[in-house]
Every structure is written in structure tokens, then in C-alpha cells.
Amino acid sequence: MHLLLLSTLAWAGPAVPVALDAAEALELGDVLFRGGDPEGALGWYRVAAHLAPRGEGADLDAIWYRAGLAQEAAGLPQAAVVTYEKVGGAWQGAARLRAGVAAFAADAPNRGDEQLARLAQDSATDSLRLTATLMRGTLWLERGERDRAANAFETLPPGPPKQEAQALLGAHAAALRSPALAAGLSLVPGLGQTYADDPRRGRTLATVSALGLSSGALAWWGMKAEQPMAMGAAGALGAGMVINWGRSGFQAAEATRARNAESREAERVALQKAARAAFPDLPRSPLLPEGGPAPR
């Protein structure tokens, strides 16, 4: 019926008035949402919200909740957070959960963390408290924020979910190295670069430094043999050694920082995959509800 009505509206155009109530507009939006058109669904949800005060059989909170879902699915998480804040009544708990997830997606993780933490504290149902806490911790994990995730998981009640969360925290830890130590090790030319996982540069610096050290013997021989060219070559080698020795500490520290950044990104990706595998049922994506609202 709704597909037929959609087709009729499309062919008729805006000039033809169609009698429609809020419940029908809501269902038309659901058809488009499930068909993969969240932008089109959002338009119908707005129509439903406009008609709701004058129509019967449509719940305004359910309409705003669906509008938030459509905005999330359409890549508008910031707008979705604002829309979810309009939701009250029986849909409020589900809307607060989605608002926290959308805030993380909108690159406002602190706001999302606050919303999820408050929901975990205020909700009257164990299931929603558990879901909010797990979602809060896994969203921090997926951003590579192990300490923030640990703080969230610490509030879980004893049981299998907490054990799985703690196992996640103990896995995939990035092996970070100290830039200061790399710089210090560079007092021995090439050693700092080798520590920073750049052995090729380390070998090059060690070779150049070895040649520089030989410049002393070359200079001595040049003076004894009165060979100006040998003394000039010795000076050039010596200057190269000093320059490379001076730069090697800085280079080693920078190489260590770059390696640490790569390690953190690899850790973040591994944690994201592990968190999704450990808690596959968490509602990460906006999906239309089946039946009535989730418990508050």
C-alpha cells in the first residue's frame, strides 16, 4: 500500500493534494529508511512531526527518534544529537543511547562519554545500563583511548561482560619506545636509529662516523708527509662526522616518535576489530526499532 502511495505521490507531483496523517507519513519514512534512503525518510519524518499534533495514532517521540536515526544514517551525527535531545517518554532511553553514539561520530567524544555515563547511571533497567557502559568503553577503545576505555569498563558489574572487557584491555598493547632514550643512545653513532627501528640509517651513520674517526689518522699522516690534500680530506671527513653526530640525536628522536605513531594506529585498528568481535550485538549503527521502544 505504501509503495503504491509513494508511486502515486511521485507521479502526481506537489500540485495534487493528498490526504495524509502522521502515522502514514511515519510509515512512508520507514519504507524509505529500510530501502536505503535515509535522506528521503527524513523528509517524511519531518512531515509526520508536522502532522502529529493534528493526527491520531502517531507518537511524536517515536517520530523524532526515527528522524535522529535517519540523520545518523545520512552522515549527519551532529544534527542527530540535537534531534535525539527532543525525544522524551518511552523512547527517551533509546534516544539518549543513540545521542551518545552520534556524539562520538561527530568527533565530540567527551560529550558522548558524558551522555552514556549519565544514562548508565540513571537508567532503571539493567540491560540499558550495561549497553550504555559497554558502548562507552568500546567507543573509546575504537578511538585508541585505552585509559578512557578502562575507566568506563571499571564501572561494569562483575560478570562475563566485564571479564571480556578486561581481556580486551590487556590485548593489542602498542610497544612504544622512548624518544629521549633514542636521542641518548645516539651518542654512539647509529645506535639511536637502530633502537628507533631504522637500522639502515643507523648503519649509514655508523659508517660515516667511522670514516670521520679515520680522519684523525689521515690528518696526522698528511702533516708528516706534508700533503695538503690529505689534510683537506681529513678536515672534510671530520666536519662530516661532527655534523652527522650532532644531527643523529634529533633524527633518532623523530624516528622514534614516527614509529610510536604507527604503533598507536595499528593498536587502534586492532582494538576496533577486537571490540567489535567481543561485543557484536552492541547497537553501533542506527537501525529502525522492531516493535515498541527499548526499556528506559
Protein backbone atom coordinates (compact mmCIF):
# COMPACT_ATOMS: atom_id res chain seq x y z
CA MET A 1 0.00 0.00 0.00
CA HIS A 2 2.73 2.42 0.99
CA LEU A 3 4.82 1.68 -2.07
CA LEU A 4 1.71 2.37 -4.17
CA LEU A 5 1.13 5.65 -2.33
CA LEU A 6 4.78 6.65 -2.82
CA SER A 7 4.48 5.95 -6.55
CA THR A 8 1.24 7.92 -6.73
CA LEU A 9 2.81 10.89 -4.97
CA ALA A 10 5.85 10.77 -7.23
CA TRP A 11 3.73 10.77 -10.40
CA ALA A 12 1.19 13.28 -9.16
CA GLY A 13 3.70 15.90 -8.08
CA PRO A 14 3.24 18.54 -5.39
CA ALA A 15 0.27 20.22 -7.06
CA VAL A 16 -2.09 17.33 -6.27
CA PRO A 17 -3.31 17.38 -2.63
CA VAL A 18 -3.13 14.02 -0.88
CA ALA A 19 -4.91 13.33 2.41
CA LEU A 20 -2.26 12.00 4.78
CA ASP A 21 -1.99 11.64 8.52
CA ALA A 22 1.08 11.45 10.74
CA ALA A 23 1.01 7.67 11.11
CA GLU A 24 1.02 7.18 7.34
CA ALA A 25 3.84 9.69 6.86
CA LEU A 26 5.80 7.86 9.55
CA GLU A 27 5.34 4.52 7.80
CA LEU A 28 6.32 6.01 4.45
CA GLY A 29 9.51 7.25 6.07
CA ASP A 30 10.15 3.75 7.44
CA VAL A 31 9.75 2.28 3.94
CA LEU A 32 12.39 4.64 2.56
CA PHE A 33 14.72 4.11 5.53
CA ARG A 34 14.61 0.33 5.15
CA GLY A 35 15.10 0.79 1.41
CA GLY A 36 18.42 2.58 2.00
CA ASP A 37 17.23 6.17 1.52
CA PRO A 38 17.67 7.91 4.91
CA GLU A 39 17.51 11.40 3.35
CA GLY A 40 14.11 10.62 1.82
CA ALA A 41 12.97 9.04 5.07
CA LEU A 42 13.98 12.15 6.99
CA GLY A 43 11.72 14.25 4.79
CA TRP A 44 8.73 12.07 5.61
CA TYR A 45 9.56 12.04 9.31
CA ARG A 46 9.51 15.82 9.26
CA VAL A 47 6.11 15.69 7.57
CA ALA A 48 4.93 13.28 10.27
CA ALA A 49 6.21 15.59 13.01
CA HIS A 50 4.33 18.48 11.43
CA LEU A 51 1.11 16.46 11.25
CA ALA A 52 1.42 14.69 14.61
CA PRO A 53 -0.36 17.26 16.78
CA ARG A 54 -3.40 17.06 14.47
CA GLY A 55 -3.28 13.35 13.71
CA GLU A 56 -4.10 10.30 15.73
CA GLY A 57 -2.12 7.12 16.10
CA ALA A 58 1.33 8.75 15.80
CA ASP A 59 3.73 9.27 18.71
CA LEU A 60 5.80 12.48 18.35
CA ASP A 61 8.66 11.00 20.40
CA ALA A 62 8.79 7.98 18.07
CA ILE A 63 8.89 10.35 15.08
CA TRP A 64 11.79 12.40 16.44
CA TYR A 65 13.65 9.24 17.38
CA ARG A 66 13.34 7.97 13.80
CA ALA A 67 14.39 11.36 12.46
CA GLY A 68 17.56 11.10 14.55
CA LEU A 69 18.23 7.62 13.17
CA ALA A 70 17.80 8.94 9.63
CA GLN A 71 20.22 11.79 10.29
CA GLU A 72 22.81 9.37 11.68
CA ALA A 73 22.42 7.07 8.67
CA ALA A 74 22.71 10.05 6.33
CA GLY A 75 26.06 11.05 7.88
CA LEU A 76 24.71 13.95 9.98
CA PRO A 77 25.64 12.87 13.53
CA GLN A 78 25.77 16.41 14.93
CA ALA A 79 22.22 17.11 13.79
CA ALA A 80 21.16 13.70 15.13
CA VAL A 81 22.38 14.60 18.63
CA VAL A 82 20.20 17.72 18.60
CA THR A 83 17.19 15.74 17.36
CA TYR A 84 17.61 12.98 19.95
CA GLU A 85 17.52 15.60 22.69
CA LYS A 86 13.91 16.36 21.71
CA VAL A 87 12.85 12.79 22.48
CA GLY A 88 11.07 12.02 25.73
CA GLY A 89 8.61 9.48 27.04
CA ALA A 90 9.11 5.80 26.38
CA TRP A 91 11.72 6.48 23.67
CA GLN A 92 13.98 8.64 25.82
CA GLY A 93 16.37 5.88 26.93
CA ALA A 94 16.97 4.63 23.39
CA ALA A 95 17.40 8.21 22.17
CA ARG A 96 19.96 9.02 24.88
CA LEU A 97 21.96 5.93 23.91
CA ARG A 98 21.95 6.93 20.24
CA ALA A 99 22.83 10.53 21.15
CA GLY A 100 25.97 9.30 22.90
CA VAL A 101 26.99 7.20 19.89
CA ALA A 102 26.26 10.06 17.48
CA ALA A 103 28.35 12.46 19.58
CA PHE A 104 31.36 10.15 19.25
CA ALA A 105 30.76 10.01 15.48
CA ALA A 106 30.54 13.82 15.40
CA ASP A 107 34.05 14.00 16.89
CA ALA A 108 32.70 15.15 20.26
CA PRO A 109 33.75 12.11 22.31
CA ASN A 110 33.72 13.89 25.67
CA ARG A 111 30.10 14.88 25.14
CA GLY A 112 29.24 11.34 24.05
CA ASP A 113 31.05 9.89 27.06
CA GLU A 114 29.13 12.17 29.41
CA GLN A 115 25.78 11.22 27.87
CA LEU A 116 26.45 7.49 28.01
CA ALA A 117 27.83 7.67 31.56
CA ARG A 118 24.75 9.58 32.71
CA LEU A 119 22.46 7.07 31.02
CA ALA A 120 24.31 4.16 32.65
CA GLN A 121 23.80 5.83 36.00
CA ASP A 122 20.17 6.97 35.58
CA SER A 123 18.53 4.13 33.65
CA ALA A 124 16.06 1.98 35.55
CA THR A 125 16.89 -1.16 33.58
CA ASP A 126 19.98 -3.35 33.92
CA SER A 127 20.12 -4.08 30.19
CA LEU A 128 20.26 -0.43 29.16
CA ARG A 129 22.83 0.40 31.86
CA LEU A 130 25.01 -2.48 30.65
CA THR A 131 24.64 -1.49 26.98
CA ALA A 132 25.48 2.16 27.68
CA THR A 133 28.60 1.24 29.67
CA LEU A 134 29.85 -1.28 27.11
CA MET A 135 29.17 1.16 24.29
CA ARG A 136 31.03 3.90 26.14
CA GLY A 137 34.09 1.71 26.70
CA THR A 138 34.21 0.21 23.20
CA LEU A 139 33.82 3.62 21.54
CA TRP A 140 36.86 4.84 23.46
CA LEU A 141 38.73 1.67 22.50
CA GLU A 142 37.89 2.21 18.85
CA ARG A 143 39.48 5.66 19.12
CA GLY A 144 42.62 4.09 20.61
CA GLU A 145 41.98 5.63 24.05
CA ARG A 146 42.82 2.65 26.24
CA ASP A 147 42.82 4.58 29.55
CA ARG A 148 39.41 6.16 28.92
CA ALA A 149 38.03 2.75 27.98
CA ALA A 150 39.44 1.24 31.17
CA ASN A 151 37.68 3.93 33.24
CA ALA A 152 34.37 3.07 31.57
CA PHE A 153 34.75 -0.70 31.87
CA GLU A 154 35.69 -0.36 35.54
CA THR A 155 32.09 0.64 36.28
CA LEU A 156 30.71 -2.64 34.87
CA PRO A 157 29.20 -5.05 37.40
CA PRO A 158 31.09 -8.33 37.95
CA GLY A 159 30.35 -10.89 35.26
CA PRO A 160 31.31 -12.14 31.79
CA PRO A 161 31.00 -8.72 30.04
CA LYS A 162 33.47 -7.17 32.48
CA GLN A 163 35.85 -10.11 32.07
CA GLU A 164 35.73 -9.80 28.27
CA ALA A 165 36.29 -6.05 28.53
CA GLN A 166 39.31 -6.52 30.78
CA ALA A 167 40.70 -9.13 28.38
CA LEU A 168 40.34 -6.60 25.56
CA LEU A 169 42.28 -4.02 27.55
CA GLY A 170 45.12 -6.47 28.12
CA ALA A 171 45.49 -7.31 24.43
CA HIS A 172 46.96 -5.45 21.45
CA ALA A 173 49.05 -3.05 23.55
CA ALA A 174 51.34 -0.92 21.40
CA ALA A 175 55.08 -1.38 22.11
CA LEU A 176 56.14 2.25 22.43
CA ARG A 177 59.74 3.44 22.65
CA SER A 178 61.29 6.49 24.29
CA PRO A 179 62.41 9.38 22.04
CA ALA A 180 64.64 10.65 24.86
CA LEU A 181 66.38 7.29 25.14
CA ALA A 182 66.83 7.19 21.35
CA ALA A 183 68.50 10.60 21.47
CA GLY A 184 70.76 9.48 24.32
CA LEU A 185 71.79 6.30 22.55
CA SER A 186 72.81 8.42 19.57
CA LEU A 187 75.91 9.40 21.48
CA VAL A 188 77.12 6.18 19.91
CA PRO A 189 76.53 6.99 16.21
CA GLY A 190 73.80 4.82 14.67
CA LEU A 191 72.70 3.17 17.91
CA GLY A 192 69.78 5.56 18.45
CA GLN A 193 68.48 4.94 14.92
CA THR A 194 68.75 1.18 15.40
CA TYR A 195 66.73 1.49 18.64
CA ALA A 196 64.14 3.54 16.72
CA ASP A 197 63.69 0.65 14.26
CA ASP A 198 65.64 2.37 11.49
CA PRO A 199 68.71 0.10 11.20
CA ARG A 200 69.55 1.19 7.66
CA ARG A 201 70.07 4.81 8.74
CA GLY A 202 71.90 3.53 11.81
CA ARG A 203 74.39 1.63 9.66
CA THR A 204 74.88 4.68 7.42
CA LEU A 205 75.60 6.94 10.38
CA ALA A 206 77.96 4.39 11.91
CA THR A 207 79.86 4.13 8.62
CA VAL A 208 80.12 7.90 8.19
CA SER A 209 81.29 8.25 11.79
CA ALA A 210 83.88 5.53 11.33
CA LEU A 211 85.21 7.36 8.29
CA GLY A 212 85.24 10.54 10.34
CA LEU A 213 87.30 8.90 13.05
CA SER A 214 89.79 7.80 10.43
CA SER A 215 90.21 11.46 9.50
CA GLY A 216 92.49 11.93 12.53
CA ALA A 217 94.93 9.33 11.25
CA LEU A 218 94.72 10.81 7.75
CA ALA A 219 95.41 14.30 9.07
CA TRP A 220 98.41 13.06 11.07
CA TRP A 221 99.82 11.31 8.02
CA GLY A 222 99.20 14.42 5.90
CA MET A 223 101.11 16.58 8.35
CA LYS A 224 104.02 14.13 8.50
CA ALA A 225 104.12 13.77 4.74
CA GLU A 226 103.39 17.44 4.15
CA GLN A 227 100.41 16.58 1.96
CA PRO A 228 97.86 19.48 1.99
CA MET A 229 95.27 17.49 0.01
CA ALA A 230 95.29 14.71 2.59
CA MET A 231 94.86 17.24 5.36
CA GLY A 232 91.94 18.86 3.49
CA ALA A 233 90.24 15.48 3.00
CA ALA A 234 90.74 14.73 6.69
CA GLY A 235 89.12 18.04 7.61
CA ALA A 236 86.13 17.32 5.38
CA LEU A 237 85.68 13.87 6.88
CA GLY A 238 85.97 15.27 10.38
CA ALA A 239 83.40 18.00 9.68
CA GLY A 240 81.00 15.42 8.25
CA MET A 241 81.36 13.30 11.35
CA VAL A 242 80.63 16.24 13.67
CA ILE A 243 77.57 17.32 11.64
CA ASN A 244 76.17 13.80 11.48
CA TRP A 245 76.84 13.19 15.15
CA GLY A 246 75.05 16.43 16.03
CA ARG A 247 72.01 15.59 13.90
CA SER A 248 71.76 11.92 14.81
CA GLY A 249 70.16 12.52 18.22
CA PHE A 250 67.40 14.67 16.74
CA GLN A 251 66.82 12.21 13.89
CA ALA A 252 66.65 9.26 16.27
CA ALA A 253 64.07 11.01 18.47
CA GLU A 254 61.94 11.93 15.44
CA ALA A 255 62.17 8.39 14.06
CA THR A 256 61.03 7.05 17.43
CA ARG A 257 58.04 9.40 17.50
CA ALA A 258 57.06 8.34 13.97
CA ARG A 259 57.36 4.68 14.92
CA ASN A 260 55.22 5.25 18.02
CA ALA A 261 52.54 6.97 15.92
CA GLU A 262 52.42 3.96 13.58
CA SER A 263 52.23 1.60 16.56
CA ARG A 264 49.34 3.55 18.08
CA GLU A 265 47.41 3.49 14.81
CA ALA A 266 47.97 -0.27 14.48
CA GLU A 267 46.81 -0.65 18.09
CA ARG A 268 43.68 1.41 17.39
CA VAL A 269 42.75 -0.72 14.36
CA ALA A 270 43.38 -3.96 16.26
CA LEU A 271 41.33 -2.76 19.24
CA GLN A 272 38.48 -1.72 16.98
CA LYS A 273 38.32 -5.16 15.39
CA ALA A 274 38.66 -6.92 18.75
CA ALA A 275 35.93 -4.79 20.36
CA ARG A 276 33.51 -5.48 17.52
CA ALA A 277 34.25 -9.20 17.75
CA ALA A 278 33.85 -9.27 21.55
CA PHE A 279 30.57 -7.32 21.61
CA PRO A 280 28.91 -7.86 18.20
CA ASP A 281 25.39 -7.09 19.46
CA LEU A 282 26.05 -3.52 20.54
CA PRO A 283 23.89 -1.11 18.51
CA ARG A 284 26.69 0.75 16.75
CA SER A 285 24.63 1.53 13.65
CA PRO A 286 21.27 3.34 13.50
CA LEU A 287 18.58 0.73 12.84
CA LEU A 288 14.81 1.10 12.90
CA PRO A 289 13.31 -0.46 16.02
CA GLU A 290 11.24 -3.59 15.74
CA GLY A 291 8.06 -3.21 17.77
CA GLY A 292 7.95 -0.82 20.70
CA PRO A 293 10.68 1.25 22.29
CA ALA A 294 13.57 -0.19 24.27
CA PRO A 295 13.25 -0.15 28.07
CA ARG A 296 14.24 3.10 29.74
